[in-house]
């Protein structure tokens, strides 16, 4: 994982906690937001592992036109609250490094509730929240998995052991071995029941109707969301087969892991891109639908949207 430990040391801000990765450069200004952008990964995510970026090509494309971009690293598997506290620590580091008053948070998948947690407990530090394929009202896939793995069962223990091993490998490859992993808490956090409770505690931006929009602005924070509504989008992408299968649990549109309506938060930019859950972060290595807008372009457009909003 590329880290900015040397920069922290130079500024006298060395910290024992995981630090986000910074990407900065001069540019034309199209993506030059007032406040830094912090990208937050989802379940089984990472910042960079074995030279592979979770946000494939996205940070570099944002920074080349003026954005200051930081890539957070939180637990690959854990509760939203645990991940949120880890993110909050990194947000404070970014503010200390840049001198900015606030940050713009963009979270994918479980990164959606994670960034919303930080906005809820420290609203004064956050300018905007954007969720991409965010699990804002729960995942039916998580519900099915929880039903198949009852609490305390042998099947839960076996599955948790496999997931813990995978998250451990991800942590080792990305340099995040100091981060605690708990697959059971992660699974519970993503169920419809758990997200309903989470939304009662952190309601900002959440639609009150099943498939509507939420408040565009609350507590001084702007809220946005977008998502895909397809599962199989490129036959060359090996992840499409898995998402095609998981998408079968939905009786309505989804990106394979999150239902379209569940992804809604604040201003819904669009919820029917021809993208699946992996396409939303421009993986598998850019193998996305040939006739849909590039995922990289969507992030650039969002940065420009934030810039034009004075954020």
Protein backbone atom coordinates (compact mmCIF):
# COMPACT_ATOMS: atom_id res chain seq x y z
CA UNK A 1 0.00 0.00 0.00
CA UNK A 2 1.25 3.43 -0.93
CA UNK A 3 1.14 5.48 2.25
CA UNK A 4 2.01 9.01 3.15
CA UNK A 5 4.01 8.23 6.30
CA UNK A 6 6.92 10.30 5.04
CA UNK A 7 4.65 13.28 4.54
CA UNK A 8 3.19 12.85 7.99
CA UNK A 9 6.67 12.74 9.49
CA UNK A 10 7.68 15.88 7.64
CA UNK A 11 4.68 17.66 9.08
CA UNK A 12 5.20 16.24 12.56
CA UNK A 13 1.95 14.32 12.38
CA UNK A 14 3.15 10.71 12.55
CA UNK A 15 0.42 8.46 13.81
CA UNK A 16 0.20 4.78 14.75
CA UNK A 17 -3.20 4.37 13.07
CA UNK A 18 -3.69 3.51 9.41
CA UNK A 19 -3.34 6.63 7.29
CA UNK A 20 -5.12 7.29 4.00
CA UNK A 21 -3.15 7.53 0.80
CA UNK A 22 -2.78 11.01 -0.71
CA UNK A 23 -2.69 11.78 -4.41
CA UNK A 24 -2.05 15.37 -5.44
CA UNK A 25 -1.10 17.29 -8.57
CA UNK A 26 -1.63 20.58 -10.37
CA UNK A 27 -4.29 20.66 -13.09
CA UNK A 28 -6.93 22.42 -15.18
CA UNK A 29 -9.39 22.81 -12.31
CA UNK A 30 -12.40 20.77 -13.51
CA UNK A 31 -12.29 18.56 -10.40
CA UNK A 32 -10.76 21.15 -8.06
CA UNK A 33 -13.12 21.00 -5.10
CA UNK A 34 -12.86 23.43 -2.21
CA UNK A 35 -12.45 20.58 0.26
CA UNK A 36 -10.38 17.37 -0.10
CA UNK A 37 -12.09 14.20 -1.33
CA UNK A 38 -11.81 11.04 0.77
CA UNK A 39 -12.69 7.72 -0.91
CA UNK A 40 -13.92 4.93 1.37
CA UNK A 41 -14.03 1.28 0.28
CA UNK A 42 -16.66 -1.33 0.96
CA UNK A 43 -16.78 -4.89 2.30
CA UNK A 44 -13.55 -6.84 1.64
CA UNK A 45 -12.11 -3.60 0.30
CA UNK A 46 -8.72 -1.95 0.60
CA UNK A 47 -6.86 1.12 -0.57
CA UNK A 48 -4.17 -0.65 -2.59
CA UNK A 49 -3.11 -4.30 -2.44
CA UNK A 50 -0.28 -5.91 -4.40
CA UNK A 51 -0.19 -2.90 -6.68
CA UNK A 52 -3.93 -3.02 -7.41
CA UNK A 53 -6.08 0.00 -6.58
CA UNK A 54 -9.58 -0.64 -5.23
CA UNK A 55 -10.61 2.62 -6.95
CA UNK A 56 -9.11 1.64 -10.31
CA UNK A 57 -7.73 4.77 -12.04
CA UNK A 58 -10.20 7.00 -10.18
CA UNK A 59 -7.90 8.90 -7.75
CA UNK A 60 -5.38 9.73 -10.47
CA UNK A 61 -8.09 10.96 -12.84
CA UNK A 62 -9.56 13.17 -10.13
CA UNK A 63 -6.25 14.64 -9.02
CA UNK A 64 -4.96 15.44 -12.51
CA UNK A 65 -7.61 18.16 -12.81
CA UNK A 66 -7.15 19.67 -9.38
CA UNK A 67 -8.75 17.53 -6.68
CA UNK A 68 -6.90 16.61 -3.51
CA UNK A 69 -7.73 12.95 -3.07
CA UNK A 70 -7.17 10.67 -0.09
CA UNK A 71 -7.92 6.96 -0.09
CA UNK A 72 -8.96 5.68 3.31
CA UNK A 73 -8.24 2.22 4.63
CA UNK A 74 -10.66 0.78 7.16
CA UNK A 75 -11.34 -2.80 8.24
CA UNK A 76 -12.22 -5.03 5.30
CA UNK A 77 -14.81 -6.71 7.53
CA UNK A 78 -16.29 -5.17 10.66
CA UNK A 79 -19.26 -3.24 11.96
CA UNK A 80 -20.19 0.12 10.48
CA UNK A 81 -19.41 1.82 13.78
CA UNK A 82 -15.91 0.31 14.00
CA UNK A 83 -15.15 1.22 10.41
CA UNK A 84 -16.63 4.66 10.99
CA UNK A 85 -14.39 5.39 13.95
CA UNK A 86 -11.36 4.33 11.92
CA UNK A 87 -12.45 6.65 9.12
CA UNK A 88 -13.06 9.54 11.51
CA UNK A 89 -9.46 9.26 12.73
CA UNK A 90 -8.21 9.42 9.13
CA UNK A 91 -10.48 12.37 8.30
CA UNK A 92 -8.89 14.28 11.16
CA UNK A 93 -5.46 13.43 9.79
CA UNK A 94 -6.44 14.75 6.35
CA UNK A 95 -7.68 17.99 7.90
CA UNK A 96 -4.44 18.37 9.84
CA UNK A 97 -2.33 17.74 6.75
CA UNK A 98 -4.25 20.02 4.39
CA UNK A 99 -5.45 22.73 6.75
CA UNK A 100 -8.94 22.29 5.28
CA UNK A 101 -11.99 22.80 7.48
CA UNK A 102 -13.96 19.90 6.01
CA UNK A 103 -13.78 16.95 3.62
CA UNK A 104 -16.03 15.48 0.92
CA UNK A 105 -16.69 11.79 1.62
CA UNK A 106 -17.42 9.26 -1.14
CA UNK A 107 -18.23 5.72 -0.03
CA UNK A 108 -18.84 2.58 -2.09
CA UNK A 109 -20.96 -0.34 -0.86
CA UNK A 110 -20.42 -0.69 2.94
CA UNK A 111 -18.44 2.52 2.57
CA UNK A 112 -21.84 4.22 2.23
CA UNK A 113 -23.02 3.62 5.81
CA UNK A 114 -19.41 4.13 6.95
CA UNK A 115 -19.24 7.69 5.60
CA UNK A 116 -22.75 8.39 6.88
CA UNK A 117 -21.66 7.37 10.37
CA UNK A 118 -18.85 9.94 10.32
CA UNK A 119 -21.25 12.59 9.00
CA UNK A 120 -23.58 11.75 11.86
CA UNK A 121 -21.07 11.88 14.72
CA UNK A 122 -18.88 14.72 13.39
CA UNK A 123 -21.04 16.81 11.02
CA UNK A 124 -18.85 19.87 11.41
CA UNK A 125 -16.01 18.07 9.62
CA UNK A 126 -18.00 17.00 6.57
CA UNK A 127 -18.98 19.09 3.55
CA UNK A 128 -20.72 16.37 1.56
CA UNK A 129 -21.53 12.67 1.54
CA UNK A 130 -21.81 10.69 -1.69
CA UNK A 131 -22.66 6.99 -1.72
CA UNK A 132 -22.01 4.80 -4.77
CA UNK A 133 -23.92 1.53 -4.73
CA UNK A 134 -24.32 2.29 -1.04
CA UNK A 135 -26.04 -0.22 1.23
CA UNK A 136 -28.27 2.50 2.63
CA UNK A 137 -31.33 0.39 3.41
CA UNK A 138 -29.75 -3.05 3.58
CA UNK A 139 -28.80 -5.80 1.13
CA UNK A 140 -31.08 -8.71 0.33
CA UNK A 141 -27.96 -10.75 -0.33
CA UNK A 142 -26.90 -10.12 3.28
CA UNK A 143 -30.39 -11.08 4.46
CA UNK A 144 -30.22 -14.39 2.58
CA UNK A 145 -26.70 -15.09 3.87
CA UNK A 146 -27.76 -14.33 7.45
CA UNK A 147 -30.74 -16.66 7.08
CA UNK A 148 -28.48 -19.44 5.83
CA UNK A 149 -25.97 -18.84 8.63
CA UNK A 150 -27.94 -18.67 11.90
CA UNK A 151 -26.14 -17.02 14.83
CA UNK A 152 -24.08 -19.55 16.79
CA UNK A 153 -24.40 -22.28 14.14
CA UNK A 154 -21.62 -24.43 12.75
CA UNK A 155 -22.28 -23.01 9.30
CA UNK A 156 -21.78 -19.48 10.63
CA UNK A 157 -18.50 -20.46 12.30
CA UNK A 158 -17.17 -22.10 9.12
CA UNK A 159 -18.19 -19.20 6.89
CA UNK A 160 -16.80 -16.67 9.35
CA UNK A 161 -13.51 -18.53 9.44
CA UNK A 162 -13.21 -18.45 5.65
CA UNK A 163 -14.17 -14.77 5.51
CA UNK A 164 -11.74 -13.91 8.31
CA UNK A 165 -8.97 -15.65 6.41
CA UNK A 166 -9.80 -13.68 3.26
CA UNK A 167 -9.95 -10.36 5.09
CA UNK A 168 -6.66 -11.23 6.78
CA UNK A 169 -5.03 -11.79 3.40
CA UNK A 170 -6.42 -8.49 2.16
CA UNK A 171 -5.05 -6.74 5.23
CA UNK A 172 -1.65 -8.35 4.80
CA UNK A 173 -1.47 -7.41 1.12
CA UNK A 174 -2.56 -3.83 1.77
CA UNK A 175 -0.51 -3.18 4.89
CA UNK A 176 -3.54 -2.92 7.15
CA UNK A 177 -2.79 -5.82 9.49
CA UNK A 178 -3.33 -3.61 12.54
CA UNK A 179 -7.03 -3.23 11.64
CA UNK A 180 -9.45 -5.60 13.43
CA UNK A 181 -11.55 -7.93 11.28
CA UNK A 182 -14.97 -9.37 12.19
CA UNK A 183 -16.94 -10.88 9.28
CA UNK A 184 -19.99 -11.69 11.43
CA UNK A 185 -20.36 -8.07 12.53
CA UNK A 186 -19.92 -6.99 8.92
CA UNK A 187 -22.66 -9.34 7.73
CA UNK A 188 -25.02 -8.23 10.48
CA UNK A 189 -24.34 -4.56 9.65
CA UNK A 190 -25.50 -5.00 6.06
CA UNK A 191 -28.86 -6.68 6.70
CA UNK A 192 -32.11 -4.84 6.16
CA UNK A 193 -32.93 -5.09 9.87
CA UNK A 194 -29.61 -3.60 10.97
CA UNK A 195 -29.76 -0.78 8.41
CA UNK A 196 -33.28 0.11 9.57
CA UNK A 197 -31.90 0.60 13.08
CA UNK A 198 -28.85 2.46 11.74
CA UNK A 199 -31.13 4.79 9.76
CA UNK A 200 -33.15 5.61 12.86
CA UNK A 201 -29.91 6.73 14.50
CA UNK A 202 -28.46 8.41 11.42
CA UNK A 203 -31.42 9.57 9.31
CA UNK A 204 -29.74 12.42 7.40
CA UNK A 205 -30.31 12.05 3.66
CA UNK A 206 -32.32 8.82 3.95
CA UNK A 207 -35.51 8.78 1.83
CA UNK A 208 -38.71 8.46 3.82
CA UNK A 209 -40.41 6.64 0.94
CA UNK A 210 -39.35 3.22 -0.32
CA UNK A 211 -37.69 4.43 -3.50
CA UNK A 212 -37.61 8.21 -3.31
CA UNK A 213 -34.97 10.81 -2.64
CA UNK A 214 -33.82 12.05 0.74
CA UNK A 215 -33.10 15.56 1.91
CA UNK A 216 -30.45 17.12 -0.29
CA UNK A 217 -28.95 19.05 2.63
CA UNK A 218 -29.03 18.40 6.38
CA UNK A 219 -26.82 19.54 9.24
CA UNK A 220 -24.85 21.66 6.77
CA UNK A 221 -23.96 18.56 4.70
CA UNK A 222 -24.95 17.86 1.08
CA UNK A 223 -26.05 14.29 0.29
CA UNK A 224 -25.79 12.53 -3.09
CA UNK A 225 -25.99 8.98 -4.43
CA UNK A 226 -25.78 6.97 -7.63
CA UNK A 227 -25.75 3.27 -8.51
CA UNK A 228 -25.86 0.69 -11.24
CA UNK A 229 -28.86 -1.48 -12.05
CA UNK A 230 -27.31 -4.39 -13.94
CA UNK A 231 -25.46 -7.56 -13.02
CA UNK A 232 -23.78 -8.94 -16.16
CA UNK A 233 -22.18 -6.14 -18.16
CA UNK A 234 -19.02 -7.52 -19.79
CA UNK A 235 -18.49 -11.19 -20.63
CA UNK A 236 -14.74 -10.76 -20.17
CA UNK A 237 -15.19 -9.71 -16.52
CA UNK A 238 -14.91 -12.77 -14.22
CA UNK A 239 -16.84 -11.01 -11.43
CA UNK A 240 -19.96 -10.80 -13.61
CA UNK A 241 -20.76 -14.50 -13.11
CA UNK A 242 -20.89 -14.11 -9.31
CA UNK A 243 -22.92 -10.91 -9.45
CA UNK A 244 -25.26 -12.51 -11.96
CA UNK A 245 -25.96 -15.23 -9.40
CA UNK A 246 -26.32 -12.96 -6.36
CA UNK A 247 -28.58 -10.67 -8.36
CA UNK A 248 -31.10 -13.52 -8.69
CA UNK A 249 -32.24 -12.95 -5.08
CA UNK A 250 -33.74 -9.64 -6.17
CA UNK A 251 -37.13 -9.36 -7.78
CA UNK A 252 -36.31 -5.86 -8.91
CA UNK A 253 -33.35 -3.92 -10.29
CA UNK A 254 -30.02 -4.25 -8.49
CA UNK A 255 -26.29 -4.04 -9.12
CA UNK A 256 -25.94 -7.65 -8.01
CA UNK A 257 -25.40 -6.89 -4.32
CA UNK A 258 -27.50 -3.80 -3.58
CA UNK A 259 -31.03 -3.10 -4.70
CA UNK A 260 -31.52 0.09 -6.68
CA UNK A 261 -33.93 1.62 -4.17
CA UNK A 262 -31.72 0.65 -1.24
CA UNK A 263 -28.90 2.69 -2.75
CA UNK A 264 -30.85 5.97 -2.66
CA UNK A 265 -29.56 8.77 -0.46
CA UNK A 266 -30.14 12.50 -0.72
CA UNK A 267 -30.05 13.71 -4.33
CA UNK A 268 -30.17 10.63 -6.54
CA UNK A 269 -27.99 11.52 -9.52
CA UNK A 270 -29.01 8.34 -11.33
CA UNK A 271 -29.85 4.80 -10.22
CA UNK A 272 -29.91 2.84 -13.47
CA UNK A 273 -26.43 2.96 -14.93
CA UNK A 274 -25.58 -0.17 -16.89
CA UNK A 275 -23.11 -1.16 -14.18
CA UNK A 276 -22.86 -3.81 -11.52
CA UNK A 277 -21.42 -3.49 -8.03
CA UNK A 278 -17.84 -3.99 -9.21
CA UNK A 279 -18.19 -1.73 -12.27
CA UNK A 280 -19.06 1.12 -9.91
CA UNK A 281 -15.39 1.29 -8.88
CA UNK A 282 -14.15 0.66 -12.45
CA UNK A 283 -13.17 -2.96 -11.88
CA UNK A 284 -12.41 -5.61 -13.07
CA UNK A 285 -9.49 -3.44 -14.32
CA UNK A 286 -11.80 -1.26 -16.37
CA UNK A 287 -13.74 -4.15 -17.95
CA UNK A 288 -17.12 -2.42 -17.83
CA UNK A 289 -20.01 -2.05 -20.26
CA UNK A 290 -18.75 -0.71 -23.59
CA UNK A 291 -21.76 1.53 -24.21
CA UNK A 292 -22.21 3.05 -20.74
CA UNK A 293 -20.55 6.17 -19.37
CA UNK A 294 -17.15 5.33 -17.90
CA UNK A 295 -17.24 4.99 -14.10
CA UNK A 296 -14.19 7.26 -13.98
CA UNK A 297 -16.20 9.96 -15.74
CA UNK A 298 -18.92 9.71 -13.09
CA UNK A 299 -16.43 10.44 -10.32
CA UNK A 300 -15.01 13.36 -12.31
CA UNK A 301 -18.51 14.72 -12.85
CA UNK A 302 -19.27 14.40 -9.15
CA UNK A 303 -16.12 16.27 -8.23
CA UNK A 304 -17.14 19.03 -10.65
CA UNK A 305 -20.64 19.02 -9.13
CA UNK A 306 -19.12 19.49 -5.68
CA UNK A 307 -16.88 22.24 -6.99
CA UNK A 308 -19.83 24.11 -8.50
CA UNK A 309 -21.70 23.77 -5.20
CA UNK A 310 -18.83 25.47 -3.41
CA UNK A 311 -17.74 22.27 -1.75
